Amino acid sequence: MLVLVGLPTVFATPGDTAHVIVAVPGWATILLVLLQLVAAVVASWPARPAWAAVPVTLLAAATLVTERPRRRWLVSTDRLAR
């Protein structure tokens, strides 16, 4: 859990968050978000009953859809940095 909270706190894309400790390109932020979602889904199934793990999985899937504009923006910042 510390890794899932600590990594996005330390590593961030400038312009995506207000305070950036270590600047990383947009693709790295995208990978961190995917890591968090995968960890949430994978950990929820053995740790929780199915009735609790299903909503976690559905929320992770919904996040993939709702974060599309942010991912597009993060990828576009990579092109500007080159």
PDB file of N, CA and C in Angstrom:
ATOM      1  N   MET A   1       0.823  -1.190   0.000  1.00  0.00           N
ATOM      2  CA  MET A   1       0.000   0.000   0.000  1.00  0.00           C
ATOM      3  C   MET A   1       0.866   1.253   0.000  1.00  0.00           C
ATOM      4  N   LEU A   2       1.937   1.230   0.760  1.00  0.00           N
ATOM      5  CA  LEU A   2       2.827   2.380   0.811  1.00  0.00           C
ATOM      6  C   LEU A   2       3.366   2.716  -0.577  1.00  0.00           C
ATOM      7  N   VAL A   3       3.677   1.690  -1.350  1.00  0.00           N
ATOM      8  CA  VAL A   3       4.183   1.908  -2.708  1.00  0.00           C
ATOM      9  C   VAL A   3       3.111   2.549  -3.575  1.00  0.00           C
ATOM     10  N   LEU A   4       1.870   2.100  -3.444  1.00  0.00           N
ATOM     11  CA  LEU A   4       0.794   2.629  -4.282  1.00  0.00           C
ATOM     12  C   LEU A   4       0.434   4.065  -3.932  1.00  0.00           C
ATOM     13  N   VAL A   5       0.674   4.465  -2.701  1.00  0.00           N
ATOM     14  CA  VAL A   5       0.416   5.852  -2.312  1.00  0.00           C
ATOM     15  C   VAL A   5       1.674   6.690  -2.513  1.00  0.00           C
ATOM     16  N   GLY A   6       2.817   6.136  -2.171  1.00  0.00           N
ATOM     17  CA  GLY A   6       4.065   6.883  -2.217  1.00  0.00           C
ATOM     18  C   GLY A   6       4.563   7.195  -3.613  1.00  0.00           C
ATOM     19  N   LEU A   7       4.480   6.241  -4.525  1.00  0.00           N
ATOM     20  CA  LEU A   7       4.987   6.478  -5.875  1.00  0.00           C
ATOM     21  C   LEU A   7       4.301   7.650  -6.571  1.00  0.00           C
ATOM     22  N   PRO A   8       2.953   7.715  -6.589  1.00  0.00           N
ATOM     23  CA  PRO A   8       2.326   8.869  -7.241  1.00  0.00           C
ATOM     24  C   PRO A   8       2.554  10.180  -6.491  1.00  0.00           C
ATOM     25  N   THR A   9       2.847  10.101  -5.206  1.00  0.00           N
ATOM     26  CA  THR A   9       3.144  11.309  -4.446  1.00  0.00           C
ATOM     27  C   THR A   9       4.504  11.869  -4.839  1.00  0.00           C
ATOM     28  N   VAL A  10       5.463  10.995  -5.048  1.00  0.00           N
ATOM     29  CA  VAL A  10       6.825  11.419  -5.369  1.00  0.00           C
ATOM     30  C   VAL A  10       6.978  11.720  -6.858  1.00  0.00           C
ATOM     31  N   PHE A  11       6.473  10.839  -7.703  1.00  0.00           N
ATOM     32  CA  PHE A  11       6.647  10.972  -9.144  1.00  0.00           C
ATOM     33  C   PHE A  11       5.372  11.512  -9.777  1.00  0.00           C
ATOM     34  N   ALA A  12       5.479  12.624 -10.494  1.00  0.00           N
ATOM     35  CA  ALA A  12       4.313  13.225 -11.135  1.00  0.00           C
ATOM     36  C   ALA A  12       4.731  13.972 -12.391  1.00  0.00           C
ATOM     37  N   THR A  13       3.774  14.151 -13.271  1.00  0.00           N
ATOM     38  CA  THR A  13       4.003  14.907 -14.495  1.00  0.00           C
ATOM     39  C   THR A  13       3.708  16.378 -14.224  1.00  0.00           C
ATOM     40  N   PRO A  14       4.637  17.264 -14.537  1.00  0.00           N
ATOM     41  CA  PRO A  14       4.377  18.697 -14.346  1.00  0.00           C
ATOM     42  C   PRO A  14       3.116  19.128 -15.099  1.00  0.00           C
ATOM     43  N   GLY A  15       2.286  19.894 -14.425  1.00  0.00           N
ATOM     44  CA  GLY A  15       1.030  20.336 -15.011  1.00  0.00           C
ATOM     45  C   GLY A  15      -0.133  19.427 -14.681  1.00  0.00           C
ATOM     46  N   ASP A  16       0.160  18.194 -14.269  1.00  0.00           N
ATOM     47  CA  ASP A  16      -0.894  17.247 -13.909  1.00  0.00           C
ATOM     48  C   ASP A  16      -1.265  17.387 -12.444  1.00  0.00           C
ATOM     49  N   THR A  17      -0.299  17.702 -11.618  1.00  0.00           N
ATOM     50  CA  THR A  17      -0.543  17.918 -10.197  1.00  0.00           C
ATOM     51  C   THR A  17       0.072  19.248  -9.774  1.00  0.00           C
ATOM     52  N   ALA A  18      -0.390  19.756  -8.659  1.00  0.00           N
ATOM     53  CA  ALA A  18       0.076  21.067  -8.200  1.00  0.00           C
ATOM     54  C   ALA A  18       1.527  21.029  -7.729  1.00  0.00           C
ATOM     55  N   HIS A  19       1.897  19.979  -7.016  1.00  0.00           N
ATOM     56  CA  HIS A  19       3.246  19.890  -6.453  1.00  0.00           C
ATOM     57  C   HIS A  19       3.944  18.669  -7.033  1.00  0.00           C
ATOM     58  N   VAL A  20       5.062  18.891  -7.685  1.00  0.00           N
ATOM     59  CA  VAL A  20       5.833  17.805  -8.287  1.00  0.00           C
ATOM     60  C   VAL A  20       7.172  17.713  -7.569  1.00  0.00           C
ATOM     61  N   ILE A  21       7.434  16.551  -6.983  1.00  0.00           N
ATOM     62  CA  ILE A  21       8.713  16.343  -6.303  1.00  0.00           C
ATOM     63  C   ILE A  21       9.743  15.866  -7.329  1.00  0.00           C
ATOM     64  N   VAL A  22       9.403  14.794  -8.054  1.00  0.00           N
ATOM     65  CA  VAL A  22      10.256  14.282  -9.125  1.00  0.00           C
ATOM     66  C   VAL A  22       9.429  14.288 -10.404  1.00  0.00           C
ATOM     67  N   ALA A  23       9.840  15.079 -11.375  1.00  0.00           N
ATOM     68  CA  ALA A  23       9.100  15.187 -12.633  1.00  0.00           C
ATOM     69  C   ALA A  23       9.347  13.957 -13.499  1.00  0.00           C
ATOM     70  N   VAL A  24       8.265  13.399 -14.019  1.00  0.00           N
ATOM     71  CA  VAL A  24       8.346  12.258 -14.925  1.00  0.00           C
ATOM     72  C   VAL A  24       7.495  12.555 -16.154  1.00  0.00           C
ATOM     73  N   PRO A  25       7.774  11.891 -17.265  1.00  0.00           N
ATOM     74  CA  PRO A  25       6.948  12.102 -18.455  1.00  0.00           C
ATOM     75  C   PRO A  25       5.550  11.529 -18.261  1.00  0.00           C
ATOM     76  N   GLY A  26       4.649  11.929 -19.124  1.00  0.00           N
ATOM     77  CA  GLY A  26       3.254  11.505 -19.023  1.00  0.00           C
ATOM     78  C   GLY A  26       3.069   9.998 -19.042  1.00  0.00           C
ATOM     79  N   TRP A  27       3.855   9.303 -19.861  1.00  0.00           N
ATOM     80  CA  TRP A  27       3.697   7.849 -19.937  1.00  0.00           C
ATOM     81  C   TRP A  27       3.981   7.180 -18.595  1.00  0.00           C
ATOM     82  N   ALA A  28       4.891   7.749 -17.808  1.00  0.00           N
ATOM     83  CA  ALA A  28       5.191   7.179 -16.487  1.00  0.00           C
ATOM     84  C   ALA A  28       4.008   7.352 -15.543  1.00  0.00           C
ATOM     85  N   THR A  29       3.341   8.485 -15.618  1.00  0.00           N
ATOM     86  CA  THR A  29       2.146   8.702 -14.801  1.00  0.00           C
ATOM     87  C   THR A  29       1.046   7.730 -15.202  1.00  0.00           C
ATOM     88  N   ILE A  30       0.895   7.505 -16.493  1.00  0.00           N
ATOM     89  CA  ILE A  30      -0.103   6.542 -16.979  1.00  0.00           C
ATOM     90  C   ILE A  30       0.203   5.152 -16.436  1.00  0.00           C
ATOM     91  N   LEU A  31       1.465   4.755 -16.467  1.00  0.00           N
ATOM     92  CA  LEU A  31       1.842   3.440 -15.940  1.00  0.00           C
ATOM     93  C   LEU A  31       1.582   3.328 -14.439  1.00  0.00           C
ATOM     94  N   LEU A  32       1.824   4.405 -13.703  1.00  0.00           N
ATOM     95  CA  LEU A  32       1.547   4.387 -12.259  1.00  0.00           C
ATOM     96  C   LEU A  32       0.054   4.200 -11.989  1.00  0.00           C
ATOM     97  N   VAL A  33      -0.778   4.875 -12.761  1.00  0.00           N
ATOM     98  CA  VAL A  33      -2.236   4.726 -12.586  1.00  0.00           C
ATOM     99  C   VAL A  33      -2.648   3.293 -12.918  1.00  0.00           C
ATOM    100  N   LEU A  34      -2.113   2.741 -14.004  1.00  0.00           N
ATOM    101  CA  LEU A  34      -2.444   1.355 -14.362  1.00  0.00           C
ATOM    102  C   LEU A  34      -1.973   0.385 -13.283  1.00  0.00           C
ATOM    103  N   LEU A  35      -0.802   0.630 -12.717  1.00  0.00           N
ATOM    104  CA  LEU A  35      -0.303  -0.208 -11.618  1.00  0.00           C
ATOM    105  C   LEU A  35      -1.265  -0.181 -10.438  1.00  0.00           C
ATOM    106  N   GLN A  36      -1.760   0.993 -10.098  1.00  0.00           N
ATOM    107  CA  GLN A  36      -2.704   1.112  -8.990  1.00  0.00           C
ATOM    108  C   GLN A  36      -3.994   0.346  -9.273  1.00  0.00           C
ATOM    109  N   LEU A  37      -4.508   0.475 -10.488  1.00  0.00           N
ATOM    110  CA  LEU A  37      -5.761  -0.205 -10.822  1.00  0.00           C
ATOM    111  C   LEU A  37      -5.589  -1.720 -10.818  1.00  0.00           C
ATOM    112  N   VAL A  38      -4.510  -2.193 -11.399  1.00  0.00           N
ATOM    113  CA  VAL A  38      -4.257  -3.634 -11.425  1.00  0.00           C
ATOM    114  C   VAL A  38      -4.077  -4.162 -10.002  1.00  0.00           C
ATOM    115  N   ALA A  39      -3.337  -3.452  -9.183  1.00  0.00           N
ATOM    116  CA  ALA A  39      -3.124  -3.881  -7.791  1.00  0.00           C
ATOM    117  C   ALA A  39      -4.442  -3.924  -7.028  1.00  0.00           C
ATOM    118  N   ALA A  40      -5.304  -2.954  -7.250  1.00  0.00           N
ATOM    119  CA  ALA A  40      -6.593  -2.929  -6.554  1.00  0.00           C
ATOM    120  C   ALA A  40      -7.450  -4.124  -6.941  1.00  0.00           C
ATOM    121  N   VAL A  41      -7.504  -4.412  -8.231  1.00  0.00           N
ATOM    122  CA  VAL A  41      -8.339  -5.524  -8.694  1.00  0.00           C
ATOM    123  C   VAL A  41      -7.762  -6.864  -8.246  1.00  0.00           C
ATOM    124  N   VAL A  42      -6.474  -7.048  -8.453  1.00  0.00           N
ATOM    125  CA  VAL A  42      -5.848  -8.329  -8.102  1.00  0.00           C
ATOM    126  C   VAL A  42      -5.932  -8.583  -6.598  1.00  0.00           C
ATOM    127  N   ALA A  43      -5.702  -7.567  -5.792  1.00  0.00           N
ATOM    128  CA  ALA A  43      -5.730  -7.749  -4.337  1.00  0.00           C
ATOM    129  C   ALA A  43      -7.147  -7.922  -3.802  1.00  0.00           C
ATOM    130  N   SER A  44      -8.127  -7.351  -4.477  1.00  0.00           N
ATOM    131  CA  SER A  44      -9.490  -7.414  -3.945  1.00  0.00           C
ATOM    132  C   SER A  44     -10.083  -8.816  -4.032  1.00  0.00           C
ATOM    133  N   TRP A  45      -9.728  -9.580  -5.050  1.00  0.00           N
ATOM    134  CA  TRP A  45     -10.361 -10.895  -5.212  1.00  0.00           C
ATOM    135  C   TRP A  45      -9.992 -11.886  -4.118  1.00  0.00           C
ATOM    136  N   PRO A  46      -8.741 -12.073  -3.755  1.00  0.00           N
ATOM    137  CA  PRO A  46      -8.473 -13.010  -2.657  1.00  0.00           C
ATOM    138  C   PRO A  46      -8.771 -12.430  -1.275  1.00  0.00           C
ATOM    139  N   ALA A  47      -8.771 -11.112  -1.163  1.00  0.00           N
ATOM    140  CA  ALA A  47      -8.926 -10.485   0.151  1.00  0.00           C
ATOM    141  C   ALA A  47     -10.381 -10.216   0.531  1.00  0.00           C
ATOM    142  N   ARG A  48     -11.268 -10.180  -0.421  1.00  0.00           N
ATOM    143  CA  ARG A  48     -12.666  -9.811  -0.171  1.00  0.00           C
ATOM    144  C   ARG A  48     -13.595 -10.858  -0.772  1.00  0.00           C
ATOM    145  N   PRO A  49     -14.821 -10.925  -0.265  1.00  0.00           N
ATOM    146  CA  PRO A  49     -15.799 -11.795  -0.924  1.00  0.00           C
ATOM    147  C   PRO A  49     -16.139 -11.225  -2.302  1.00  0.00           C
ATOM    148  N   ALA A  50     -16.689 -12.062  -3.153  1.00  0.00           N
ATOM    149  CA  ALA A  50     -16.984 -11.662  -4.531  1.00  0.00           C
ATOM    150  C   ALA A  50     -17.893 -10.440  -4.582  1.00  0.00           C
ATOM    151  N   TRP A  51     -18.860 -10.337  -3.669  1.00  0.00           N
ATOM    152  CA  TRP A  51     -19.779  -9.203  -3.710  1.00  0.00           C
ATOM    153  C   TRP A  51     -19.052  -7.878  -3.465  1.00  0.00           C
ATOM    154  N   ALA A  52     -17.875  -7.930  -2.831  1.00  0.00           N
ATOM    155  CA  ALA A  52     -17.084  -6.718  -2.613  1.00  0.00           C
ATOM    156  C   ALA A  52     -16.026  -6.534  -3.708  1.00  0.00           C
ATOM    157  N   ALA A  53     -15.527  -7.630  -4.265  1.00  0.00           N
ATOM    158  CA  ALA A  53     -14.496  -7.543  -5.304  1.00  0.00           C
ATOM    159  C   ALA A  53     -15.076  -7.104  -6.646  1.00  0.00           C
ATOM    160  N   VAL A  54     -16.313  -7.466  -6.915  1.00  0.00           N
ATOM    161  CA  VAL A  54     -16.936  -7.076  -8.191  1.00  0.00           C
ATOM    162  C   VAL A  54     -17.025  -5.554  -8.323  1.00  0.00           C
ATOM    163  N   PRO A  55     -17.504  -4.822  -7.314  1.00  0.00           N
ATOM    164  CA  PRO A  55     -17.524  -3.357  -7.460  1.00  0.00           C
ATOM    165  C   PRO A  55     -16.134  -2.741  -7.638  1.00  0.00           C
ATOM    166  N   VAL A  56     -15.124  -3.312  -6.992  1.00  0.00           N
ATOM    167  CA  VAL A  56     -13.759  -2.808  -7.173  1.00  0.00           C
ATOM    168  C   VAL A  56     -13.345  -2.968  -8.632  1.00  0.00           C
ATOM    169  N   THR A  57     -13.645  -4.119  -9.200  1.00  0.00           N
ATOM    170  CA  THR A  57     -13.309  -4.376 -10.603  1.00  0.00           C
ATOM    171  C   THR A  57     -14.076  -3.439 -11.524  1.00  0.00           C
ATOM    172  N   LEU A  58     -15.358  -3.233 -11.235  1.00  0.00           N
ATOM    173  CA  LEU A  58     -16.164  -2.331 -12.064  1.00  0.00           C
ATOM    174  C   LEU A  58     -15.679  -0.886 -11.964  1.00  0.00           C
ATOM    175  N   LEU A  59     -15.300  -0.464 -10.765  1.00  0.00           N
ATOM    176  CA  LEU A  59     -14.765   0.891 -10.604  1.00  0.00           C
ATOM    177  C   LEU A  59     -13.433   1.061 -11.337  1.00  0.00           C
ATOM    178  N   ALA A  60     -12.606   0.041 -11.315  1.00  0.00           N
ATOM    179  CA  ALA A  60     -11.340   0.107 -12.052  1.00  0.00           C
ATOM    180  C   ALA A  60     -11.603   0.214 -13.551  1.00  0.00           C
ATOM    181  N   ALA A  61     -12.568  -0.555 -14.043  1.00  0.00           N
ATOM    182  CA  ALA A  61     -12.925  -0.473 -15.462  1.00  0.00           C
ATOM    183  C   ALA A  61     -13.483   0.903 -15.803  1.00  0.00           C
ATOM    184  N   ALA A  62     -14.320   1.437 -14.929  1.00  0.00           N
ATOM    185  CA  ALA A  62     -14.877   2.772 -15.166  1.00  0.00           C
ATOM    186  C   ALA A  62     -13.776   3.827 -15.174  1.00  0.00           C
ATOM    187  N   THR A  63     -12.776   3.645 -14.332  1.00  0.00           N
ATOM    188  CA  THR A  63     -11.654   4.580 -14.298  1.00  0.00           C
ATOM    189  C   THR A  63     -10.896   4.580 -15.619  1.00  0.00           C
ATOM    190  N   LEU A  64     -10.745   3.414 -16.217  1.00  0.00           N
ATOM    191  CA  LEU A  64     -10.070   3.352 -17.514  1.00  0.00           C
ATOM    192  C   LEU A  64     -10.816   4.176 -18.561  1.00  0.00           C
ATOM    193  N   VAL A  65     -12.131   4.198 -18.473  1.00  0.00           N
ATOM    194  CA  VAL A  65     -12.936   4.963 -19.428  1.00  0.00           C
ATOM    195  C   VAL A  65     -12.887   6.456 -19.104  1.00  0.00           C
ATOM    196  N   THR A  66     -13.098   6.796 -17.839  1.00  0.00           N
ATOM    197  CA  THR A  66     -13.191   8.212 -17.470  1.00  0.00           C
ATOM    198  C   THR A  66     -11.838   8.929 -17.521  1.00  0.00           C
ATOM    199  N   GLU A  67     -10.737   8.186 -17.443  1.00  0.00           N
ATOM    200  CA  GLU A  67      -9.413   8.808 -17.472  1.00  0.00           C
ATOM    201  C   GLU A  67      -8.871   8.973 -18.888  1.00  0.00           C
ATOM    202  N   ARG A  68      -9.644   8.617 -19.907  1.00  0.00           N
ATOM    203  CA  ARG A  68      -9.148   8.735 -21.287  1.00  0.00           C
ATOM    204  C   ARG A  68      -8.704  10.152 -21.643  1.00  0.00           C
ATOM    205  N   PRO A  69      -9.470  11.200 -21.328  1.00  0.00           N
ATOM    206  CA  PRO A  69      -8.991  12.550 -21.652  1.00  0.00           C
ATOM    207  C   PRO A  69      -7.666  12.892 -20.945  1.00  0.00           C
ATOM    208  N   ARG A  70      -7.540  12.471 -19.718  1.00  0.00           N
ATOM    209  CA  ARG A  70      -6.295  12.735 -18.987  1.00  0.00           C
ATOM    210  C   ARG A  70      -5.127  12.003 -19.634  1.00  0.00           C
ATOM    211  N   ARG A  71      -5.347  10.739 -20.022  1.00  0.00           N
ATOM    212  CA  ARG A  71      -4.277   9.987 -20.686  1.00  0.00           C
ATOM    213  C   ARG A  71      -3.875  10.658 -21.996  1.00  0.00           C
ATOM    214  N   ARG A  72      -4.864  11.133 -22.762  1.00  0.00           N
ATOM    215  CA  ARG A  72      -4.550  11.844 -24.006  1.00  0.00           C
ATOM    216  C   ARG A  72      -3.695  13.074 -23.716  1.00  0.00           C
ATOM    217  N   TRP A  73      -4.063  13.814 -22.679  1.00  0.00           N
ATOM    218  CA  TRP A  73      -3.301  15.004 -22.321  1.00  0.00           C
ATOM    219  C   TRP A  73      -1.886  14.628 -21.889  1.00  0.00           C
ATOM    220  N   LEU A  74      -1.758  13.594 -21.071  1.00  0.00           N
ATOM    221  CA  LEU A  74      -0.434  13.165 -20.618  1.00  0.00           C
ATOM    222  C   LEU A  74       0.445  12.742 -21.783  1.00  0.00           C
ATOM    223  N   VAL A  75      -0.123  12.051 -22.748  1.00  0.00           N
ATOM    224  CA  VAL A  75       0.642  11.644 -23.922  1.00  0.00           C
ATOM    225  C   VAL A  75       1.015  12.869 -24.748  1.00  0.00           C
ATOM    226  N   SER A  76       0.130  13.839 -24.854  1.00  0.00           N
ATOM    227  CA  SER A  76       0.443  15.052 -25.627  1.00  0.00           C
ATOM    228  C   SER A  76       1.545  15.862 -24.962  1.00  0.00           C
ATOM    229  N   THR A  77       1.660  15.816 -23.643  1.00  0.00           N
ATOM    230  CA  THR A  77       2.744  16.544 -22.973  1.00  0.00           C
ATOM    231  C   THR A  77       4.076  15.887 -23.294  1.00  0.00           C
ATOM    232  N   ASP A  78       4.075  14.573 -23.535  1.00  0.00           N
ATOM    233  CA  ASP A  78       5.305  13.889 -23.921  1.00  0.00           C
ATOM    234  C   ASP A  78       5.811  14.404 -25.262  1.00  0.00           C
ATOM    235  N   ARG A  79       4.899  14.638 -26.202  1.00  0.00           N
ATOM    236  CA  ARG A  79       5.297  15.136 -27.522  1.00  0.00           C
ATOM    237  C   ARG A  79       5.883  16.536 -27.414  1.00  0.00           C
ATOM    238  N   LEU A  80       5.342  17.356 -26.522  1.00  0.00           N
ATOM    239  CA  LEU A  80       5.846  18.717 -26.360  1.00  0.00           C
ATOM    240  C   LEU A  80       7.226  18.730 -25.730  1.00  0.00           C
ATOM    241  N   ALA A  81       7.522  17.737 -24.908  1.00  0.00           N
ATOM    242  CA  ALA A  81       8.800  17.715 -24.192  1.00  0.00           C
ATOM    243  C   ALA A  81       9.954  17.289 -25.093  1.00  0.00           C
ATOM    244  N   ARG A  82       9.658  16.658 -26.206  1.00  0.00           N
ATOM    245  CA  ARG A  82      10.744  16.135 -27.061  1.00  0.00           C
ATOM    246  C   ARG A  82      11.379  17.190 -27.880  1.00  0.00           C
TER     247      ARG A  82
END
